[in-house]
Amino acid sequence: MPGRIISFGIVMTSTWQNANGEVIGATSSMHIQQSTIKPQFYVSMIDEKGYGSARSQSAGTGTITGGSGLNSTEGVTQVVRAAGDNNTAYNNVDINVTKANQAPATQQQGQALAAGSTLVGANGAGSLSVSSSGTGVQMNIVANNNQGSTAQRLAQGGLMQNTTLLGGGNRVSNLTSLNVVLRDNAATTGSVNGNLDQLKGLRTLGF
């Protein structure tokens, strides 16, 4: 770990809830400390039942065109495109920096996501895939009944959160938290800029 950084963590969560209350999604997390031998993402699937007996949801009839340039953006890109009614979409990035004398105790949960592998899931709300390219992670949800899709990707120093809504009554969320713990040393001149430079050192891991 570079400089004063003693712990670095990423938590990504994507969920899609349809008009029947069915939810599909996943949380992908990685924590790096001084003792970490090999950084590893772990994935926990989210699968929630709906409101009582299943009701048929009308197929989405919206149409959205364009947007091909969104795949070549840099930095943080957050997009919501909607062609339906009564939808809610939320994209958010949190950066949390704290100080401590030692790295916090962490326990990884879920299934390990090996480089080059893909984990999948499906229920009444749609289908989900979580994949790793070796330099980052991507989460994709394709909703059933042509309701739309959402994607969240963290790789090569950039973050993309992109939601397309074609139907109605859906609730979509893409959340990413970056958590950094700094060693609690006495502050020195230029320490803020120094810490930012140390964070850039994490880009060698692909982030």
N, C-alpha and C. Protein backbone atom coordinates (compact mmCIF):
# COMPACT_ATOMS: atom_id res chain seq x y z
N MET A 1 0.84 -1.19 0.00
CA MET A 1 0.00 0.00 0.00
C MET A 1 0.88 1.24 0.00
N PRO A 2 0.53 2.25 -0.80
CA PRO A 2 1.36 3.45 -0.88
C PRO A 2 1.22 4.36 0.33
N GLY A 3 2.37 4.92 0.82
CA GLY A 3 2.37 5.97 1.83
C GLY A 3 1.57 5.66 3.07
N ARG A 4 0.74 6.62 3.49
CA ARG A 4 -0.03 6.50 4.73
C ARG A 4 -1.27 5.64 4.59
N ILE A 5 -1.59 5.20 3.40
CA ILE A 5 -2.80 4.41 3.21
C ILE A 5 -2.59 3.01 3.81
N ILE A 6 -3.44 2.65 4.76
CA ILE A 6 -3.32 1.33 5.38
C ILE A 6 -4.48 0.41 4.99
N SER A 7 -5.52 0.97 4.38
CA SER A 7 -6.64 0.15 3.96
C SER A 7 -7.39 0.86 2.84
N PHE A 8 -7.79 0.10 1.84
CA PHE A 8 -8.55 0.64 0.73
C PHE A 8 -9.64 -0.36 0.36
N GLY A 9 -10.86 0.12 0.21
CA GLY A 9 -11.96 -0.78 -0.11
C GLY A 9 -12.90 -0.20 -1.15
N ILE A 10 -13.48 -1.10 -1.93
CA ILE A 10 -14.49 -0.73 -2.93
C ILE A 10 -15.72 -1.59 -2.68
N VAL A 11 -16.89 -0.94 -2.65
CA VAL A 11 -18.16 -1.66 -2.55
C VAL A 11 -19.08 -1.15 -3.64
N MET A 12 -19.53 -2.04 -4.51
CA MET A 12 -20.44 -1.68 -5.59
C MET A 12 -21.73 -2.48 -5.44
N THR A 13 -22.86 -1.80 -5.56
CA THR A 13 -24.16 -2.47 -5.47
C THR A 13 -25.05 -1.98 -6.60
N SER A 14 -25.65 -2.91 -7.32
CA SER A 14 -26.63 -2.59 -8.36
C SER A 14 -27.89 -3.40 -8.09
N THR A 15 -29.06 -2.75 -8.13
CA THR A 15 -30.33 -3.45 -7.92
C THR A 15 -31.37 -2.94 -8.91
N TRP A 16 -32.30 -3.84 -9.23
CA TRP A 16 -33.45 -3.49 -10.08
C TRP A 16 -34.69 -4.08 -9.42
N GLN A 17 -35.65 -3.21 -9.11
CA GLN A 17 -36.94 -3.65 -8.56
C GLN A 17 -38.02 -3.34 -9.58
N ASN A 18 -38.79 -4.35 -9.95
CA ASN A 18 -39.85 -4.12 -10.93
C ASN A 18 -41.15 -3.69 -10.25
N ALA A 19 -42.19 -3.49 -11.04
CA ALA A 19 -43.45 -2.99 -10.51
C ALA A 19 -44.12 -3.98 -9.58
N ASN A 20 -43.75 -5.26 -9.65
CA ASN A 20 -44.29 -6.28 -8.76
C ASN A 20 -43.51 -6.40 -7.46
N GLY A 21 -42.46 -5.62 -7.30
CA GLY A 21 -41.67 -5.67 -6.08
C GLY A 21 -40.55 -6.68 -6.09
N GLU A 22 -40.38 -7.42 -7.18
CA GLU A 22 -39.28 -8.37 -7.28
C GLU A 22 -37.97 -7.61 -7.48
N VAL A 23 -36.93 -8.07 -6.80
CA VAL A 23 -35.64 -7.38 -6.85
C VAL A 23 -34.54 -8.35 -7.26
N ILE A 24 -33.73 -7.92 -8.21
CA ILE A 24 -32.52 -8.66 -8.56
C ILE A 24 -31.34 -7.69 -8.50
N GLY A 25 -30.20 -8.20 -8.08
CA GLY A 25 -29.03 -7.33 -7.98
C GLY A 25 -27.85 -8.08 -7.39
N ALA A 26 -26.82 -7.32 -7.07
CA ALA A 26 -25.62 -7.91 -6.49
C ALA A 26 -24.79 -6.83 -5.82
N THR A 27 -23.98 -7.26 -4.86
CA THR A 27 -22.97 -6.40 -4.24
C THR A 27 -21.61 -7.02 -4.48
N SER A 28 -20.71 -6.23 -5.01
CA SER A 28 -19.34 -6.68 -5.27
C SER A 28 -18.39 -5.83 -4.44
N SER A 29 -17.50 -6.47 -3.70
CA SER A 29 -16.62 -5.72 -2.80
C SER A 29 -15.20 -6.26 -2.85
N MET A 30 -14.26 -5.36 -2.56
CA MET A 30 -12.86 -5.73 -2.46
C MET A 30 -12.21 -4.86 -1.40
N HIS A 31 -11.39 -5.47 -0.54
CA HIS A 31 -10.67 -4.73 0.50
C HIS A 31 -9.19 -5.07 0.40
N ILE A 32 -8.36 -4.03 0.41
CA ILE A 32 -6.92 -4.21 0.31
C ILE A 32 -6.26 -3.63 1.56
N GLN A 33 -5.39 -4.42 2.17
CA GLN A 33 -4.61 -3.96 3.32
C GLN A 33 -3.15 -4.34 3.09
N GLN A 34 -2.31 -3.93 4.03
CA GLN A 34 -0.88 -4.22 3.90
C GLN A 34 -0.63 -5.72 3.80
N SER A 35 -1.47 -6.51 4.46
CA SER A 35 -1.27 -7.96 4.47
C SER A 35 -1.90 -8.66 3.27
N THR A 36 -2.60 -7.91 2.41
CA THR A 36 -3.27 -8.52 1.27
C THR A 36 -2.24 -9.04 0.26
N ILE A 37 -2.34 -10.30 -0.06
CA ILE A 37 -1.41 -10.90 -1.02
C ILE A 37 -1.89 -10.64 -2.45
N LYS A 38 -3.18 -10.87 -2.71
CA LYS A 38 -3.73 -10.66 -4.04
C LYS A 38 -5.12 -10.04 -3.91
N PRO A 39 -5.33 -8.84 -4.46
CA PRO A 39 -6.67 -8.22 -4.40
C PRO A 39 -7.70 -9.12 -5.06
N GLN A 40 -8.88 -9.21 -4.43
CA GLN A 40 -9.91 -10.13 -4.92
C GLN A 40 -11.29 -9.54 -4.70
N PHE A 41 -12.12 -9.53 -5.73
CA PHE A 41 -13.52 -9.13 -5.58
C PHE A 41 -14.34 -10.32 -5.10
N TYR A 42 -15.32 -10.02 -4.26
CA TYR A 42 -16.28 -11.02 -3.80
C TYR A 42 -17.68 -10.51 -4.12
N VAL A 43 -18.57 -11.42 -4.52
CA VAL A 43 -19.90 -11.04 -4.99
C VAL A 43 -20.97 -11.73 -4.16
N SER A 44 -21.95 -10.94 -3.70
CA SER A 44 -23.13 -11.46 -3.02
C SER A 44 -24.36 -11.12 -3.86
N MET A 45 -25.13 -12.14 -4.22
CA MET A 45 -26.31 -11.93 -5.05
C MET A 45 -27.48 -11.42 -4.22
N ILE A 46 -28.33 -10.62 -4.84
CA ILE A 46 -29.55 -10.11 -4.22
C ILE A 46 -30.74 -10.65 -4.99
N ASP A 47 -31.63 -11.36 -4.31
CA ASP A 47 -32.79 -11.99 -4.95
C ASP A 47 -33.96 -11.90 -3.97
N GLU A 48 -34.89 -10.99 -4.24
CA GLU A 48 -36.01 -10.76 -3.33
C GLU A 48 -37.33 -11.01 -4.05
N LYS A 49 -38.25 -11.64 -3.32
CA LYS A 49 -39.57 -11.92 -3.87
C LYS A 49 -40.41 -10.65 -3.93
N GLY A 50 -41.51 -10.73 -4.69
CA GLY A 50 -42.38 -9.57 -4.87
C GLY A 50 -43.49 -9.49 -3.85
N TYR A 51 -44.51 -8.72 -4.20
CA TYR A 51 -45.64 -8.47 -3.31
C TYR A 51 -46.68 -9.57 -3.47
N GLY A 52 -46.58 -10.62 -2.65
CA GLY A 52 -47.57 -11.68 -2.70
C GLY A 52 -47.52 -12.43 -4.02
N SER A 53 -48.70 -12.74 -4.58
CA SER A 53 -48.75 -13.49 -5.83
C SER A 53 -48.24 -12.63 -6.98
N ALA A 54 -47.55 -13.28 -7.89
CA ALA A 54 -46.96 -12.56 -9.02
C ALA A 54 -48.05 -12.02 -9.94
N ARG A 55 -47.87 -10.78 -10.36
CA ARG A 55 -48.77 -10.17 -11.33
C ARG A 55 -48.02 -9.95 -12.63
N SER A 56 -48.75 -10.04 -13.73
CA SER A 56 -48.09 -9.80 -15.01
C SER A 56 -47.80 -8.32 -15.16
N GLN A 57 -46.58 -8.01 -15.56
CA GLN A 57 -46.17 -6.63 -15.77
C GLN A 57 -46.21 -6.33 -17.25
N SER A 58 -46.83 -5.22 -17.59
CA SER A 58 -46.92 -4.85 -19.00
C SER A 58 -45.53 -4.68 -19.59
N ALA A 59 -45.36 -5.14 -20.80
CA ALA A 59 -44.06 -5.01 -21.46
C ALA A 59 -43.75 -3.55 -21.73
N GLY A 60 -42.48 -3.20 -21.58
CA GLY A 60 -42.06 -1.84 -21.86
C GLY A 60 -42.15 -1.54 -23.35
N THR A 61 -42.64 -0.36 -23.67
CA THR A 61 -42.82 0.04 -25.07
C THR A 61 -41.99 1.26 -25.44
N GLY A 62 -41.17 1.75 -24.51
CA GLY A 62 -40.36 2.93 -24.78
C GLY A 62 -39.23 2.64 -25.76
N THR A 63 -38.75 3.69 -26.38
CA THR A 63 -37.64 3.58 -27.33
C THR A 63 -36.61 4.67 -27.04
N ILE A 64 -35.36 4.28 -26.93
CA ILE A 64 -34.27 5.22 -26.71
C ILE A 64 -33.20 4.95 -27.76
N THR A 65 -32.74 6.01 -28.41
CA THR A 65 -31.72 5.86 -29.44
C THR A 65 -30.46 6.63 -29.06
N GLY A 66 -29.35 6.30 -29.72
CA GLY A 66 -28.09 6.99 -29.48
C GLY A 66 -27.40 6.48 -28.24
N GLY A 67 -26.35 7.19 -27.84
CA GLY A 67 -25.63 6.85 -26.61
C GLY A 67 -24.41 5.99 -26.81
N SER A 68 -24.02 5.72 -28.06
CA SER A 68 -22.86 4.85 -28.29
C SER A 68 -21.57 5.44 -27.72
N GLY A 69 -21.49 6.77 -27.64
CA GLY A 69 -20.28 7.40 -27.12
C GLY A 69 -20.09 7.23 -25.63
N LEU A 70 -21.12 6.75 -24.93
CA LEU A 70 -21.00 6.57 -23.48
C LEU A 70 -19.97 5.51 -23.12
N ASN A 71 -19.68 4.62 -24.04
CA ASN A 71 -18.73 3.54 -23.76
C ASN A 71 -17.28 4.00 -23.85
N SER A 72 -17.05 5.24 -24.26
CA SER A 72 -15.67 5.72 -24.42
C SER A 72 -15.37 6.91 -23.52
N THR A 73 -16.17 7.12 -22.48
CA THR A 73 -15.94 8.23 -21.57
C THR A 73 -14.85 7.89 -20.57
N GLU A 74 -14.32 8.93 -19.91
CA GLU A 74 -13.31 8.76 -18.87
C GLU A 74 -13.79 9.41 -17.58
N GLY A 75 -13.17 9.03 -16.46
CA GLY A 75 -13.58 9.58 -15.18
C GLY A 75 -14.88 8.96 -14.71
N VAL A 76 -15.72 9.75 -14.04
CA VAL A 76 -17.01 9.27 -13.54
C VAL A 76 -18.11 9.68 -14.51
N THR A 77 -18.86 8.71 -15.00
CA THR A 77 -19.97 8.96 -15.92
C THR A 77 -21.24 8.37 -15.33
N GLN A 78 -22.25 9.20 -15.15
CA GLN A 78 -23.53 8.75 -14.59
C GLN A 78 -24.64 9.13 -15.56
N VAL A 79 -25.40 8.13 -15.98
CA VAL A 79 -26.41 8.34 -17.02
C VAL A 79 -27.72 7.68 -16.61
N VAL A 80 -28.83 8.41 -16.81
CA VAL A 80 -30.17 7.83 -16.70
C VAL A 80 -30.95 8.29 -17.92
N ARG A 81 -31.44 7.33 -18.70
CA ARG A 81 -32.27 7.65 -19.86
C ARG A 81 -33.59 6.91 -19.69
N ALA A 82 -34.69 7.64 -19.75
CA ALA A 82 -36.00 7.06 -19.44
C ALA A 82 -37.00 7.32 -20.56
N ALA A 83 -37.75 6.26 -20.91
CA ALA A 83 -38.84 6.37 -21.87
C ALA A 83 -40.05 5.62 -21.32
N GLY A 84 -40.29 5.82 -20.02
CA GLY A 84 -41.41 5.17 -19.35
C GLY A 84 -41.92 6.06 -18.23
N ASP A 85 -42.92 5.58 -17.49
CA ASP A 85 -43.55 6.38 -16.44
C ASP A 85 -43.33 5.75 -15.06
N ASN A 86 -43.37 6.62 -14.05
CA ASN A 86 -43.33 6.19 -12.64
C ASN A 86 -42.10 5.35 -12.31
N ASN A 87 -40.97 5.72 -12.88
CA ASN A 87 -39.71 5.05 -12.59
C ASN A 87 -38.85 5.89 -11.65
N THR A 88 -37.96 5.22 -10.92
CA THR A 88 -36.98 5.89 -10.08
C THR A 88 -35.61 5.30 -10.38
N ALA A 89 -34.63 6.17 -10.64
CA ALA A 89 -33.27 5.70 -10.90
C ALA A 89 -32.30 6.55 -10.10
N TYR A 90 -31.32 5.88 -9.49
CA TYR A 90 -30.40 6.55 -8.58
C TYR A 90 -28.98 6.07 -8.84
N ASN A 91 -28.10 6.99 -9.19
CA ASN A 91 -26.67 6.72 -9.32
C ASN A 91 -25.91 7.54 -8.28
N ASN A 92 -24.98 6.92 -7.58
CA ASN A 92 -24.26 7.67 -6.55
C ASN A 92 -22.87 7.08 -6.32
N VAL A 93 -21.93 7.98 -6.00
CA VAL A 93 -20.56 7.59 -5.64
C VAL A 93 -20.20 8.24 -4.32
N ASP A 94 -19.76 7.46 -3.36
CA ASP A 94 -19.29 7.96 -2.07
C ASP A 94 -17.79 7.73 -1.96
N ILE A 95 -17.08 8.74 -1.46
CA ILE A 95 -15.66 8.59 -1.16
C ILE A 95 -15.48 8.91 0.32
N ASN A 96 -15.11 7.91 1.09
CA ASN A 96 -14.98 8.05 2.54
C ASN A 96 -13.52 7.90 2.95
N VAL A 97 -12.96 8.93 3.56
CA VAL A 97 -11.57 8.91 4.02
C VAL A 97 -11.55 9.09 5.53
N THR A 98 -10.98 8.13 6.25
CA THR A 98 -10.88 8.19 7.70
C THR A 98 -9.44 7.94 8.13
N LYS A 99 -9.17 8.18 9.43
CA LYS A 99 -7.83 7.93 9.99
C LYS A 99 -7.92 6.89 11.09
N ALA A 100 -6.88 6.09 11.22
CA ALA A 100 -6.82 5.07 12.26
C ALA A 100 -5.37 4.66 12.48
N ASN A 101 -5.13 4.00 13.61
CA ASN A 101 -3.79 3.51 13.91
C ASN A 101 -3.49 2.17 13.27
N GLN A 102 -4.56 1.46 12.89
CA GLN A 102 -4.38 0.18 12.24
C GLN A 102 -5.55 -0.08 11.30
N ALA A 103 -5.34 -0.98 10.37
CA ALA A 103 -6.38 -1.29 9.39
C ALA A 103 -7.57 -1.95 10.09
N PRO A 104 -8.80 -1.62 9.68
CA PRO A 104 -9.97 -2.23 10.30
C PRO A 104 -10.08 -3.70 9.95
N ALA A 105 -10.67 -4.46 10.85
CA ALA A 105 -10.89 -5.89 10.58
C ALA A 105 -11.99 -6.03 9.54
N THR A 106 -11.75 -6.82 8.53
CA THR A 106 -12.74 -7.03 7.48
C THR A 106 -12.92 -8.53 7.24
N GLN A 107 -14.13 -8.89 6.86
CA GLN A 107 -14.43 -10.28 6.52
C GLN A 107 -15.16 -10.29 5.18
N GLN A 108 -14.50 -10.85 4.18
CA GLN A 108 -15.09 -10.87 2.85
C GLN A 108 -16.30 -11.80 2.85
N GLN A 109 -17.35 -11.37 2.16
CA GLN A 109 -18.56 -12.16 2.07
C GLN A 109 -18.91 -12.40 0.61
N GLY A 110 -19.50 -13.55 0.35
CA GLY A 110 -19.93 -13.86 -1.00
C GLY A 110 -18.97 -14.78 -1.72
N GLN A 111 -19.14 -14.87 -3.02
CA GLN A 111 -18.37 -15.77 -3.86
C GLN A 111 -17.24 -15.02 -4.54
N ALA A 112 -16.05 -15.61 -4.55
CA ALA A 112 -14.90 -14.97 -5.18
C ALA A 112 -15.13 -14.83 -6.68
N LEU A 113 -14.76 -13.66 -7.21
CA LEU A 113 -14.89 -13.39 -8.64
C LEU A 113 -13.49 -13.39 -9.25
N ALA A 114 -13.12 -14.50 -9.85
CA ALA A 114 -11.79 -14.63 -10.43
C ALA A 114 -11.67 -13.79 -11.70
N ALA A 115 -10.45 -13.36 -12.00
CA ALA A 115 -10.21 -12.58 -13.22
C ALA A 115 -10.64 -13.38 -14.44
N GLY A 116 -11.40 -12.73 -15.32
CA GLY A 116 -11.87 -13.37 -16.53
C GLY A 116 -13.13 -14.20 -16.36
N SER A 117 -13.69 -14.24 -15.16
CA SER A 117 -14.87 -15.06 -14.90
C SER A 117 -16.14 -14.21 -14.84
N THR A 118 -17.29 -14.88 -14.90
CA THR A 118 -18.59 -14.21 -14.84
C THR A 118 -19.52 -15.01 -13.94
N LEU A 119 -20.20 -14.31 -13.03
CA LEU A 119 -21.23 -14.91 -12.19
C LEU A 119 -22.59 -14.41 -12.68
N VAL A 120 -23.58 -15.29 -12.68
CA VAL A 120 -24.89 -14.93 -13.22
C VAL A 120 -26.00 -15.28 -12.24
N GLY A 121 -27.15 -14.62 -12.43
CA GLY A 121 -28.33 -14.90 -11.63
C GLY A 121 -29.56 -14.44 -12.39
N ALA A 122 -30.73 -14.92 -11.97
CA ALA A 122 -31.97 -14.53 -12.64
C ALA A 122 -33.15 -14.79 -11.72
N ASN A 123 -34.19 -13.97 -11.87
CA ASN A 123 -35.47 -14.20 -11.21
C ASN A 123 -36.55 -13.48 -12.01
N GLY A 124 -37.70 -13.25 -11.40
CA GLY A 124 -38.80 -12.63 -12.13
C GLY A 124 -38.53 -11.21 -12.57
N ALA A 125 -37.56 -10.55 -11.92
CA ALA A 125 -37.26 -9.16 -12.27
C ALA A 125 -36.36 -9.06 -13.49
N GLY A 126 -35.50 -10.06 -13.70
CA GLY A 126 -34.59 -9.99 -14.83
C GLY A 126 -33.40 -10.89 -14.65
N SER A 127 -32.36 -10.64 -15.43
CA SER A 127 -31.13 -11.44 -15.37
C SER A 127 -29.96 -10.54 -15.02
N LEU A 128 -28.98 -11.13 -14.35
CA LEU A 128 -27.84 -10.39 -13.82
C LEU A 128 -26.55 -11.10 -14.19
N SER A 129 -25.52 -10.30 -14.49
CA SER A 129 -24.18 -10.85 -14.67
C SER A 129 -23.18 -9.93 -14.01
N VAL A 130 -22.19 -10.54 -13.36
CA VAL A 130 -21.08 -9.80 -12.75
C VAL A 130 -19.81 -10.40 -13.31
N SER A 131 -19.00 -9.59 -13.97
CA SER A 131 -17.82 -10.11 -14.64
C SER A 131 -16.58 -9.33 -14.25
N SER A 132 -15.44 -9.99 -14.36
CA SER A 132 -14.15 -9.38 -14.07
C SER A 132 -13.24 -9.54 -15.27
N SER A 133 -12.62 -8.43 -15.66
CA SER A 133 -11.70 -8.46 -16.80
C SER A 133 -10.25 -8.58 -16.35
N GLY A 134 -10.03 -8.59 -15.05
CA GLY A 134 -8.68 -8.60 -14.53
C GLY A 134 -8.19 -7.21 -14.18
N THR A 135 -8.82 -6.18 -14.76
CA THR A 135 -8.47 -4.79 -14.44
C THR A 135 -9.67 -4.03 -13.90
N GLY A 136 -10.70 -4.74 -13.51
CA GLY A 136 -11.90 -4.08 -12.99
C GLY A 136 -13.05 -5.05 -12.93
N VAL A 137 -14.23 -4.50 -12.68
CA VAL A 137 -15.43 -5.33 -12.54
C VAL A 137 -16.61 -4.61 -13.17
N GLN A 138 -17.52 -5.38 -13.75
CA GLN A 138 -18.72 -4.82 -14.37
C GLN A 138 -19.93 -5.61 -13.93
N MET A 139 -21.03 -4.89 -13.62
CA MET A 139 -22.29 -5.49 -13.22
C MET A 139 -23.35 -5.07 -14.23
N ASN A 140 -24.09 -6.05 -14.77
CA ASN A 140 -25.13 -5.77 -15.75
C ASN A 140 -26.44 -6.42 -15.32
N ILE A 141 -27.52 -5.67 -15.45
CA ILE A 141 -28.86 -6.20 -15.20
C ILE A 141 -29.72 -5.91 -16.43
N VAL A 142 -30.36 -6.94 -16.96
CA VAL A 142 -31.32 -6.78 -18.05
C VAL A 142 -32.68 -7.19 -17.49
N ALA A 143 -33.59 -6.22 -17.40
CA ALA A 143 -34.90 -6.48 -16.79
C ALA A 143 -35.80 -7.26 -17.75
N ASN A 144 -36.67 -8.08 -17.18
CA ASN A 144 -37.63 -8.83 -17.98
C ASN A 144 -38.70 -7.90 -18.56
N ASN A 145 -39.44 -8.40 -19.52
CA ASN A 145 -40.57 -7.68 -20.14
C ASN A 145 -40.14 -6.36 -20.76
N ASN A 146 -38.92 -6.31 -21.27
CA ASN A 146 -38.44 -5.11 -21.97
C ASN A 146 -38.54 -3.85 -21.11
N GLN A 147 -38.28 -4.01 -19.79
CA GLN A 147 -38.35 -2.87 -18.89
C GLN A 147 -37.11 -1.98 -18.96
N GLY A 148 -36.00 -2.53 -19.45
CA GLY A 148 -34.79 -1.73 -19.55
C GLY A 148 -33.57 -2.49 -19.07
N SER A 149 -32.50 -1.75 -18.79
CA SER A 149 -31.25 -2.37 -18.36
C SER A 149 -30.43 -1.35 -17.58
N THR A 150 -29.47 -1.87 -16.83
CA THR A 150 -28.54 -1.00 -16.11
C THR A 150 -27.17 -1.66 -16.06
N ALA A 151 -26.14 -0.84 -16.03
CA ALA A 151 -24.77 -1.34 -15.98
C ALA A 151 -23.95 -0.45 -15.06
N GLN A 152 -23.04 -1.07 -14.35
CA GLN A 152 -22.10 -0.34 -13.49
C GLN A 152 -20.72 -0.96 -13.70
N ARG A 153 -19.75 -0.12 -14.07
CA ARG A 153 -18.43 -0.63 -14.40
C ARG A 153 -17.35 0.22 -13.74
N LEU A 154 -16.41 -0.44 -13.10
CA LEU A 154 -15.26 0.22 -12.49
C LEU A 154 -14.00 -0.42 -13.06
N ALA A 155 -13.23 0.36 -13.82
CA ALA A 155 -12.04 -0.19 -14.46
C ALA A 155 -11.15 0.92 -14.98
N GLN A 156 -9.84 0.72 -14.87
CA GLN A 156 -8.83 1.60 -15.47
C GLN A 156 -9.04 3.07 -15.09
N GLY A 157 -9.32 3.30 -13.83
CA GLY A 157 -9.44 4.66 -13.33
C GLY A 157 -10.76 5.33 -13.61
N GLY A 158 -11.73 4.64 -14.19
CA GLY A 158 -13.02 5.24 -14.51
C GLY A 158 -14.18 4.48 -13.92
N LEU A 159 -15.30 5.19 -13.72
CA LEU A 159 -16.52 4.58 -13.20
C LEU A 159 -17.69 4.96 -14.11
N MET A 160 -18.45 3.97 -14.54
CA MET A 160 -19.64 4.19 -15.36
C MET A 160 -20.86 3.64 -14.64
N GLN A 161 -21.92 4.45 -14.54
CA GLN A 161 -23.21 4.02 -14.02
C GLN A 161 -24.25 4.44 -15.06
N ASN A 162 -24.87 3.47 -15.72
CA ASN A 162 -25.70 3.76 -16.89
C ASN A 162 -27.01 2.98 -16.81
N THR A 163 -28.14 3.69 -16.76
CA THR A 163 -29.45 3.06 -16.66
C THR A 163 -30.34 3.50 -17.82
N THR A 164 -31.02 2.53 -18.44
CA THR A 164 -31.99 2.79 -19.49
C THR A 164 -33.33 2.20 -19.07
N LEU A 165 -34.37 3.03 -19.05
CA LEU A 165 -35.70 2.61 -18.61
C LEU A 165 -36.67 2.68 -19.79
N LEU A 166 -37.33 1.55 -20.07
CA LEU A 166 -38.25 1.48 -21.20
C LEU A 166 -39.68 1.20 -20.77
N GLY A 167 -39.89 0.78 -19.52
CA GLY A 167 -41.21 0.46 -19.02
C GLY A 167 -41.62 1.37 -17.89
N GLY A 168 -42.46 0.87 -16.97
CA GLY A 168 -42.96 1.70 -15.89
C GLY A 168 -42.92 1.02 -14.54
N GLY A 169 -42.84 1.83 -13.48
CA GLY A 169 -42.91 1.34 -12.12
C GLY A 169 -41.65 0.65 -11.62
N ASN A 170 -40.50 0.94 -12.22
CA ASN A 170 -39.25 0.31 -11.82
C ASN A 170 -38.44 1.22 -10.90
N ARG A 171 -37.66 0.60 -10.02
CA ARG A 171 -36.75 1.32 -9.13
C ARG A 171 -35.35 0.74 -9.32
N VAL A 172 -34.43 1.58 -9.77
CA VAL A 172 -33.09 1.12 -10.11
C VAL A 172 -32.06 1.91 -9.31
N SER A 173 -31.04 1.20 -8.84
CA SER A 173 -30.01 1.85 -8.03
C SER A 173 -28.63 1.32 -8.38
N ASN A 174 -27.68 2.24 -8.58
CA ASN A 174 -26.27 1.91 -8.74
C ASN A 174 -25.47 2.72 -7.72
N LEU A 175 -24.81 2.05 -6.81
CA LEU A 175 -24.06 2.72 -5.76
C LEU A 175 -22.63 2.19 -5.72
N THR A 176 -21.68 3.10 -5.57
CA THR A 176 -20.28 2.72 -5.39
C THR A 176 -19.69 3.52 -4.24
N SER A 177 -19.02 2.83 -3.33
CA SER A 177 -18.33 3.48 -2.21
C SER A 177 -16.85 3.15 -2.27
N LEU A 178 -16.02 4.19 -2.18
CA LEU A 178 -14.58 4.03 -2.07
C LEU A 178 -14.18 4.41 -0.66
N ASN A 179 -13.61 3.48 0.07
CA ASN A 179 -13.30 3.68 1.49
C ASN A 179 -11.79 3.60 1.71
N VAL A 180 -11.22 4.70 2.20
CA VAL A 180 -9.78 4.79 2.41
C VAL A 180 -9.50 5.06 3.88
N VAL A 181 -8.58 4.31 4.47
CA VAL A 181 -8.15 4.55 5.84
C VAL A 181 -6.69 4.96 5.81
N LEU A 182 -6.39 6.14 6.41
CA LEU A 182 -5.03 6.65 6.47
C LEU A 182 -4.44 6.43 7.85
N ARG A 183 -3.15 6.18 7.90
CA ARG A 183 -2.48 6.05 9.19
C ARG A 183 -2.56 7.38 9.93
N ASP A 184 -2.87 7.33 11.21
CA ASP A 184 -3.12 8.55 11.99
C ASP A 184 -1.80 9.17 12.45
N ASN A 185 -1.04 9.71 11.51
CA ASN A 185 0.19 10.42 11.83
C ASN A 185 -0.10 11.90 11.99
N ALA A 186 0.86 12.61 12.57
CA ALA A 186 0.70 14.06 12.70
C ALA A 186 0.68 14.68 11.31
N ALA A 187 -0.19 15.67 11.14
CA ALA A 187 -0.31 16.32 9.84
C ALA A 187 0.95 17.10 9.52
N THR A 188 1.35 17.06 8.27
CA THR A 188 2.52 17.81 7.82
C THR A 188 2.14 18.65 6.62
N THR A 189 2.97 19.64 6.32
CA THR A 189 2.71 20.52 5.20
C THR A 189 2.63 19.70 3.91
N GLY A 190 1.59 19.97 3.15
CA GLY A 190 1.42 19.26 1.88
C GLY A 190 0.89 17.86 2.03
N SER A 191 0.40 17.51 3.23
CA SER A 191 -0.04 16.13 3.44
C SER A 191 -1.26 15.79 2.60
N VAL A 192 -2.14 16.75 2.36
CA VAL A 192 -3.34 16.46 1.57
C VAL A 192 -2.96 16.08 0.15
N ASN A 193 -2.11 16.90 -0.47
CA ASN A 193 -1.68 16.59 -1.83
C ASN A 193 -0.90 15.28 -1.87
N GLY A 194 -0.11 15.03 -0.82
CA GLY A 194 0.64 13.79 -0.77
C GLY A 194 -0.27 12.58 -0.72
N ASN A 195 -1.35 12.67 0.06
CA ASN A 195 -2.27 11.55 0.16
C ASN A 195 -2.98 11.29 -1.16
N LEU A 196 -3.31 12.38 -1.88
CA LEU A 196 -3.94 12.21 -3.19
C LEU A 196 -2.99 11.51 -4.15
N ASP A 197 -1.72 11.86 -4.08
CA ASP A 197 -0.73 11.19 -4.94
C ASP A 197 -0.61 9.71 -4.59
N GLN A 198 -0.73 9.40 -3.29
CA GLN A 198 -0.66 8.00 -2.88
C GLN A 198 -1.85 7.21 -3.41
N LEU A 199 -3.03 7.84 -3.44
CA LEU A 199 -4.20 7.16 -3.98
C LEU A 199 -4.02 6.82 -5.45
N LYS A 200 -3.32 7.71 -6.17
CA LYS A 200 -3.08 7.44 -7.59
C LYS A 200 -2.25 6.17 -7.78
N GLY A 201 -1.48 5.82 -6.76
CA GLY A 201 -0.68 4.61 -6.85
C GLY A 201 -1.53 3.36 -6.98
N LEU A 202 -2.81 3.42 -6.55
CA LEU A 202 -3.69 2.28 -6.65
C LEU A 202 -4.09 1.99 -8.09
N ARG A 203 -3.82 2.93 -8.99
CA ARG A 203 -4.18 2.70 -10.39
C ARG A 203 -3.37 1.58 -11.01
N THR A 204 -2.26 1.25 -10.41
CA THR A 204 -1.48 0.12 -10.93
C THR A 204 -2.24 -1.18 -10.79
N LEU A 205 -3.28 -1.19 -9.94
CA LEU A 205 -4.13 -2.37 -9.79
C LEU A 205 -5.27 -2.36 -10.78
N GLY A 206 -5.38 -1.28 -11.57
CA GLY A 206 -6.44 -1.19 -12.56
C GLY A 206 -7.59 -0.32 -12.15
N PHE A 207 -7.47 0.39 -10.99
CA PHE A 207 -8.58 1.18 -10.50
C PHE A 207 -8.22 2.65 -10.45
